[in-house]
Amino acid sequence: MSSDVSVVSRGGVVEGVAGRSDVIVVAVVSDEMHPTLRSGQRVMIDTNDRCPSPPGVFAVWDGVGLILRRIEVIHGDRPVRVRMSPDNARYESVEVPLSEMRIRGRAFAVYRPL
């Protein structure tokens, strides 16, 4: 498991999350972020943190729905570009201008049923 996302098991509590309007929960429904995230898990997203520096796992609007991807800034490019990568090597990374990204927020915790 990547160190940039915490894991919470059934009955676990992520301190400070209850009642926050800036947190959304995204269900993992594919294997694109495997092994970091697995189908059936729920990922908590901080919608106040949309800056991809430092790199991390983010929820991104792809025009159809929210997807989870590892995003990092490609330094030296102008205009600024980012690399969106699935953790599963069977899928390809893409590079896009940051201005075209629709980042909803940074992943900070995962709920994993027992």
N, C-alpha and C. Protein backbone atom coordinates (compact mmCIF):
# COMPACT_ATOMS: atom_id res chain seq x y z
N MET A 1 0.85 -1.18 0.00
CA MET A 1 0.00 0.00 0.00
C MET A 1 0.89 1.23 0.00
N SER A 2 0.54 2.19 -0.81
CA SER A 2 1.29 3.43 -0.91
C SER A 2 1.20 4.21 0.39
N SER A 3 2.24 4.94 0.73
CA SER A 3 2.26 5.68 1.99
C SER A 3 1.46 6.97 1.92
N ASP A 4 0.95 7.36 0.75
CA ASP A 4 0.21 8.61 0.67
C ASP A 4 -1.29 8.45 0.90
N VAL A 5 -1.75 7.23 1.20
CA VAL A 5 -3.15 6.98 1.50
C VAL A 5 -3.23 6.08 2.73
N SER A 6 -3.96 6.52 3.77
CA SER A 6 -4.14 5.72 4.98
C SER A 6 -5.24 4.70 4.78
N VAL A 7 -5.18 3.58 5.52
CA VAL A 7 -6.21 2.55 5.44
C VAL A 7 -7.01 2.52 6.73
N VAL A 8 -8.33 2.46 6.57
CA VAL A 8 -9.25 2.39 7.70
C VAL A 8 -10.08 1.14 7.54
N SER A 9 -10.07 0.24 8.52
CA SER A 9 -10.89 -0.97 8.47
C SER A 9 -12.26 -0.70 9.08
N ARG A 10 -13.16 -1.67 8.93
CA ARG A 10 -14.52 -1.54 9.48
C ARG A 10 -14.43 -1.13 10.95
N GLY A 11 -15.22 -0.12 11.29
CA GLY A 11 -15.22 0.35 12.67
C GLY A 11 -14.13 1.37 12.94
N GLY A 12 -13.23 1.56 11.99
CA GLY A 12 -12.16 2.53 12.17
C GLY A 12 -12.68 3.94 11.99
N VAL A 13 -11.94 4.89 12.48
CA VAL A 13 -12.34 6.28 12.38
C VAL A 13 -11.17 7.08 11.86
N VAL A 14 -11.43 7.95 10.88
CA VAL A 14 -10.42 8.90 10.44
C VAL A 14 -10.71 10.19 11.20
N GLU A 15 -9.80 10.56 12.08
CA GLU A 15 -10.02 11.70 12.96
C GLU A 15 -10.28 12.97 12.17
N GLY A 16 -11.30 13.71 12.58
CA GLY A 16 -11.59 15.00 11.98
C GLY A 16 -12.42 14.96 10.72
N VAL A 17 -12.93 13.79 10.31
CA VAL A 17 -13.69 13.69 9.06
C VAL A 17 -15.18 13.94 9.26
N ALA A 18 -15.74 13.51 10.37
CA ALA A 18 -17.18 13.62 10.59
C ALA A 18 -17.65 15.06 10.45
N GLY A 19 -18.68 15.27 9.65
CA GLY A 19 -19.27 16.58 9.49
C GLY A 19 -18.56 17.51 8.53
N ARG A 20 -17.48 17.07 7.93
CA ARG A 20 -16.76 17.93 6.98
C ARG A 20 -17.46 17.93 5.64
N SER A 21 -17.73 19.11 5.10
CA SER A 21 -18.38 19.23 3.79
C SER A 21 -17.37 19.18 2.65
N ASP A 22 -16.08 19.19 2.99
CA ASP A 22 -15.04 19.19 1.96
C ASP A 22 -14.47 17.80 1.72
N VAL A 23 -15.16 16.76 2.20
CA VAL A 23 -14.72 15.38 1.99
C VAL A 23 -15.80 14.64 1.22
N ILE A 24 -15.40 13.98 0.12
CA ILE A 24 -16.31 13.11 -0.61
C ILE A 24 -15.75 11.70 -0.55
N VAL A 25 -16.60 10.72 -0.75
CA VAL A 25 -16.19 9.32 -0.74
C VAL A 25 -16.41 8.76 -2.14
N VAL A 26 -15.36 8.13 -2.69
CA VAL A 26 -15.40 7.56 -4.03
C VAL A 26 -15.22 6.05 -3.92
N ALA A 27 -16.10 5.30 -4.57
CA ALA A 27 -16.00 3.85 -4.58
C ALA A 27 -15.00 3.40 -5.65
N VAL A 28 -14.16 2.44 -5.31
CA VAL A 28 -13.24 1.85 -6.27
C VAL A 28 -14.01 0.74 -6.99
N VAL A 29 -14.10 0.84 -8.32
CA VAL A 29 -14.90 -0.12 -9.09
C VAL A 29 -14.10 -0.83 -10.18
N SER A 30 -12.80 -0.60 -10.23
CA SER A 30 -11.97 -1.25 -11.25
C SER A 30 -10.63 -1.66 -10.66
N ASP A 31 -9.80 -2.27 -11.49
CA ASP A 31 -8.48 -2.70 -11.03
C ASP A 31 -7.37 -1.75 -11.49
N GLU A 32 -7.72 -0.59 -12.00
CA GLU A 32 -6.72 0.32 -12.55
C GLU A 32 -5.74 0.86 -11.51
N MET A 33 -6.15 0.95 -10.25
CA MET A 33 -5.25 1.45 -9.21
C MET A 33 -4.72 0.32 -8.32
N HIS A 34 -4.93 -0.92 -8.73
CA HIS A 34 -4.40 -2.09 -8.01
C HIS A 34 -2.89 -2.09 -8.11
N PRO A 35 -2.11 -2.34 -7.09
CA PRO A 35 -2.47 -2.91 -5.81
C PRO A 35 -2.77 -1.88 -4.71
N THR A 36 -2.58 -0.58 -5.00
CA THR A 36 -2.82 0.43 -3.97
C THR A 36 -4.27 0.46 -3.53
N LEU A 37 -5.18 0.44 -4.50
CA LEU A 37 -6.62 0.46 -4.23
C LEU A 37 -7.26 -0.74 -4.90
N ARG A 38 -8.21 -1.35 -4.21
CA ARG A 38 -8.88 -2.55 -4.72
C ARG A 38 -10.38 -2.30 -4.87
N SER A 39 -10.97 -2.98 -5.84
CA SER A 39 -12.40 -2.88 -6.07
C SER A 39 -13.15 -3.18 -4.78
N GLY A 40 -14.15 -2.37 -4.48
CA GLY A 40 -14.93 -2.53 -3.26
C GLY A 40 -14.52 -1.59 -2.14
N GLN A 41 -13.31 -1.05 -2.21
CA GLN A 41 -12.87 -0.11 -1.20
C GLN A 41 -13.53 1.25 -1.45
N ARG A 42 -13.57 2.08 -0.43
CA ARG A 42 -14.06 3.45 -0.52
C ARG A 42 -12.90 4.37 -0.19
N VAL A 43 -12.71 5.40 -1.01
CA VAL A 43 -11.59 6.32 -0.84
C VAL A 43 -12.13 7.68 -0.41
N MET A 44 -11.57 8.23 0.65
CA MET A 44 -11.95 9.56 1.11
C MET A 44 -11.10 10.60 0.40
N ILE A 45 -11.76 11.61 -0.13
CA ILE A 45 -11.12 12.63 -0.95
C ILE A 45 -11.28 14.00 -0.28
N ASP A 46 -10.18 14.71 -0.10
CA ASP A 46 -10.19 16.08 0.43
C ASP A 46 -10.36 17.03 -0.75
N THR A 47 -11.56 17.59 -0.91
CA THR A 47 -11.83 18.45 -2.07
C THR A 47 -11.16 19.82 -1.96
N ASN A 48 -10.59 20.15 -0.81
CA ASN A 48 -9.83 21.40 -0.68
C ASN A 48 -8.42 21.26 -1.21
N ASP A 49 -7.95 20.04 -1.38
CA ASP A 49 -6.56 19.81 -1.83
C ASP A 49 -6.59 19.33 -3.28
N ARG A 50 -6.47 20.26 -4.21
CA ARG A 50 -6.53 19.94 -5.64
C ARG A 50 -5.20 20.16 -6.35
N CYS A 51 -4.18 20.54 -5.61
CA CYS A 51 -2.87 20.82 -6.21
C CYS A 51 -2.05 19.53 -6.31
N PRO A 52 -1.61 19.17 -7.52
CA PRO A 52 -0.88 17.91 -7.69
C PRO A 52 0.60 17.97 -7.31
N SER A 53 0.97 18.93 -6.49
CA SER A 53 2.33 19.00 -6.00
C SER A 53 2.26 19.16 -4.49
N PRO A 54 2.71 18.17 -3.73
CA PRO A 54 3.44 16.97 -4.15
C PRO A 54 2.50 15.98 -4.84
N PRO A 55 3.11 15.02 -5.57
CA PRO A 55 2.31 14.02 -6.27
C PRO A 55 1.51 13.17 -5.29
N GLY A 56 0.45 12.55 -5.80
CA GLY A 56 -0.36 11.69 -4.96
C GLY A 56 -1.50 11.09 -5.74
N VAL A 57 -2.43 10.47 -5.03
CA VAL A 57 -3.61 9.88 -5.64
C VAL A 57 -4.74 10.90 -5.55
N PHE A 58 -5.38 11.15 -6.68
CA PHE A 58 -6.43 12.15 -6.78
C PHE A 58 -7.67 11.58 -7.44
N ALA A 59 -8.83 12.19 -7.12
CA ALA A 59 -10.06 11.93 -7.85
C ALA A 59 -10.13 12.97 -8.97
N VAL A 60 -10.35 12.50 -10.20
CA VAL A 60 -10.34 13.36 -11.37
C VAL A 60 -11.62 13.12 -12.17
N TRP A 61 -12.25 14.20 -12.62
CA TRP A 61 -13.41 14.09 -13.50
C TRP A 61 -12.89 13.85 -14.92
N ASP A 62 -13.31 12.76 -15.56
CA ASP A 62 -12.82 12.43 -16.91
C ASP A 62 -13.85 12.76 -17.99
N GLY A 63 -14.91 13.47 -17.63
CA GLY A 63 -15.95 13.81 -18.58
C GLY A 63 -17.15 12.89 -18.50
N VAL A 64 -16.97 11.74 -17.86
CA VAL A 64 -18.05 10.76 -17.69
C VAL A 64 -18.31 10.51 -16.21
N GLY A 65 -17.24 10.44 -15.43
CA GLY A 65 -17.35 10.16 -14.01
C GLY A 65 -16.04 10.44 -13.32
N LEU A 66 -16.00 10.17 -12.02
CA LEU A 66 -14.76 10.34 -11.26
C LEU A 66 -13.90 9.10 -11.40
N ILE A 67 -12.63 9.31 -11.66
CA ILE A 67 -11.65 8.22 -11.69
C ILE A 67 -10.56 8.55 -10.67
N LEU A 68 -9.87 7.54 -10.22
CA LEU A 68 -8.76 7.71 -9.29
C LEU A 68 -7.47 7.46 -10.04
N ARG A 69 -6.54 8.40 -9.93
CA ARG A 69 -5.26 8.28 -10.61
C ARG A 69 -4.16 8.88 -9.76
N ARG A 70 -2.95 8.38 -9.95
CA ARG A 70 -1.76 8.99 -9.35
C ARG A 70 -1.36 10.12 -10.30
N ILE A 71 -1.22 11.32 -9.75
CA ILE A 71 -0.91 12.49 -10.58
C ILE A 71 0.38 13.14 -10.09
N GLU A 72 1.22 13.51 -11.07
CA GLU A 72 2.45 14.23 -10.74
C GLU A 72 2.72 15.27 -11.82
N VAL A 73 3.29 16.39 -11.39
CA VAL A 73 3.66 17.47 -12.30
C VAL A 73 4.90 17.06 -13.07
N ILE A 74 4.91 17.34 -14.37
CA ILE A 74 6.10 17.11 -15.20
C ILE A 74 6.88 18.42 -15.20
N HIS A 75 7.97 18.45 -14.49
CA HIS A 75 8.73 19.68 -14.31
C HIS A 75 9.44 20.10 -15.60
N GLY A 76 9.46 21.41 -15.83
CA GLY A 76 10.15 21.97 -16.98
C GLY A 76 9.24 22.21 -18.17
N ASP A 77 8.06 21.65 -18.19
CA ASP A 77 7.13 21.85 -19.31
C ASP A 77 6.38 23.16 -19.14
N ARG A 78 6.18 23.87 -20.23
CA ARG A 78 5.35 25.08 -20.28
C ARG A 78 4.48 24.98 -21.50
N PRO A 79 3.17 25.05 -21.40
CA PRO A 79 2.46 25.17 -20.14
C PRO A 79 2.66 23.93 -19.28
N VAL A 80 2.34 24.07 -18.00
CA VAL A 80 2.54 22.98 -17.05
C VAL A 80 1.70 21.77 -17.46
N ARG A 81 2.35 20.60 -17.47
CA ARG A 81 1.68 19.35 -17.80
C ARG A 81 1.77 18.41 -16.60
N VAL A 82 0.83 17.48 -16.55
CA VAL A 82 0.85 16.47 -15.49
C VAL A 82 0.75 15.09 -16.11
N ARG A 83 1.26 14.11 -15.38
CA ARG A 83 1.14 12.70 -15.78
C ARG A 83 0.09 12.07 -14.88
N MET A 84 -0.91 11.45 -15.49
CA MET A 84 -1.95 10.71 -14.77
C MET A 84 -1.65 9.24 -14.97
N SER A 85 -1.38 8.53 -13.88
CA SER A 85 -0.97 7.13 -13.99
C SER A 85 -1.85 6.23 -13.13
N PRO A 86 -2.30 5.12 -13.72
CA PRO A 86 -2.89 4.07 -12.89
C PRO A 86 -1.75 3.31 -12.22
N ASP A 87 -1.97 2.71 -11.08
CA ASP A 87 -0.91 1.93 -10.43
C ASP A 87 -0.75 0.56 -11.08
N ASN A 88 -1.78 0.08 -11.75
CA ASN A 88 -1.75 -1.21 -12.41
C ASN A 88 -1.01 -1.05 -13.75
N ALA A 89 0.09 -1.78 -13.93
CA ALA A 89 0.93 -1.67 -15.12
C ALA A 89 0.22 -2.09 -16.41
N ARG A 90 -0.93 -2.75 -16.30
CA ARG A 90 -1.67 -3.14 -17.51
C ARG A 90 -2.32 -1.96 -18.21
N TYR A 91 -2.39 -0.82 -17.53
CA TYR A 91 -3.01 0.38 -18.09
C TYR A 91 -1.96 1.44 -18.33
N GLU A 92 -2.21 2.32 -19.30
CA GLU A 92 -1.23 3.33 -19.69
C GLU A 92 -1.42 4.64 -18.95
N SER A 93 -0.32 5.34 -18.77
CA SER A 93 -0.34 6.70 -18.24
C SER A 93 -0.64 7.66 -19.39
N VAL A 94 -1.16 8.83 -19.04
CA VAL A 94 -1.37 9.88 -20.04
C VAL A 94 -0.82 11.18 -19.49
N GLU A 95 -0.38 12.04 -20.39
CA GLU A 95 0.11 13.36 -20.01
C GLU A 95 -0.82 14.39 -20.62
N VAL A 96 -1.23 15.34 -19.78
CA VAL A 96 -2.17 16.37 -20.22
C VAL A 96 -1.77 17.71 -19.61
N PRO A 97 -2.16 18.82 -20.25
CA PRO A 97 -1.93 20.13 -19.63
C PRO A 97 -2.71 20.24 -18.33
N LEU A 98 -2.09 20.80 -17.31
CA LEU A 98 -2.76 20.97 -16.02
C LEU A 98 -4.05 21.76 -16.18
N SER A 99 -4.06 22.73 -17.10
CA SER A 99 -5.25 23.56 -17.31
C SER A 99 -6.45 22.76 -17.79
N GLU A 100 -6.22 21.56 -18.35
CA GLU A 100 -7.31 20.72 -18.83
C GLU A 100 -7.78 19.70 -17.78
N MET A 101 -7.09 19.64 -16.66
CA MET A 101 -7.44 18.69 -15.60
C MET A 101 -8.64 19.20 -14.81
N ARG A 102 -9.47 18.27 -14.38
CA ARG A 102 -10.59 18.59 -13.50
C ARG A 102 -10.41 17.78 -12.22
N ILE A 103 -9.42 18.20 -11.42
CA ILE A 103 -9.09 17.50 -10.18
C ILE A 103 -10.13 17.85 -9.12
N ARG A 104 -10.77 16.83 -8.55
CA ARG A 104 -11.78 17.04 -7.51
C ARG A 104 -11.15 17.08 -6.12
N GLY A 105 -10.01 16.38 -5.94
CA GLY A 105 -9.36 16.41 -4.63
C GLY A 105 -8.38 15.26 -4.46
N ARG A 106 -7.64 15.33 -3.35
CA ARG A 106 -6.59 14.36 -3.03
C ARG A 106 -7.13 13.26 -2.12
N ALA A 107 -6.77 12.02 -2.42
CA ALA A 107 -7.12 10.88 -1.56
C ALA A 107 -6.30 10.95 -0.29
N PHE A 108 -6.96 10.72 0.86
CA PHE A 108 -6.21 10.73 2.11
C PHE A 108 -6.49 9.51 2.99
N ALA A 109 -7.51 8.73 2.67
CA ALA A 109 -7.80 7.54 3.47
C ALA A 109 -8.64 6.56 2.65
N VAL A 110 -8.53 5.28 3.01
CA VAL A 110 -9.28 4.23 2.35
C VAL A 110 -10.03 3.43 3.39
N TYR A 111 -11.32 3.20 3.12
CA TYR A 111 -12.11 2.29 3.96
C TYR A 111 -12.04 0.91 3.32
N ARG A 112 -11.59 -0.06 4.08
CA ARG A 112 -11.44 -1.41 3.55
C ARG A 112 -12.29 -2.35 4.40
N PRO A 113 -13.39 -2.90 3.81
CA PRO A 113 -14.18 -3.87 4.58
C PRO A 113 -13.34 -5.06 4.98
N LEU A 114 -13.63 -5.64 6.11
CA LEU A 114 -12.91 -6.84 6.57
C LEU A 114 -13.39 -8.06 5.85
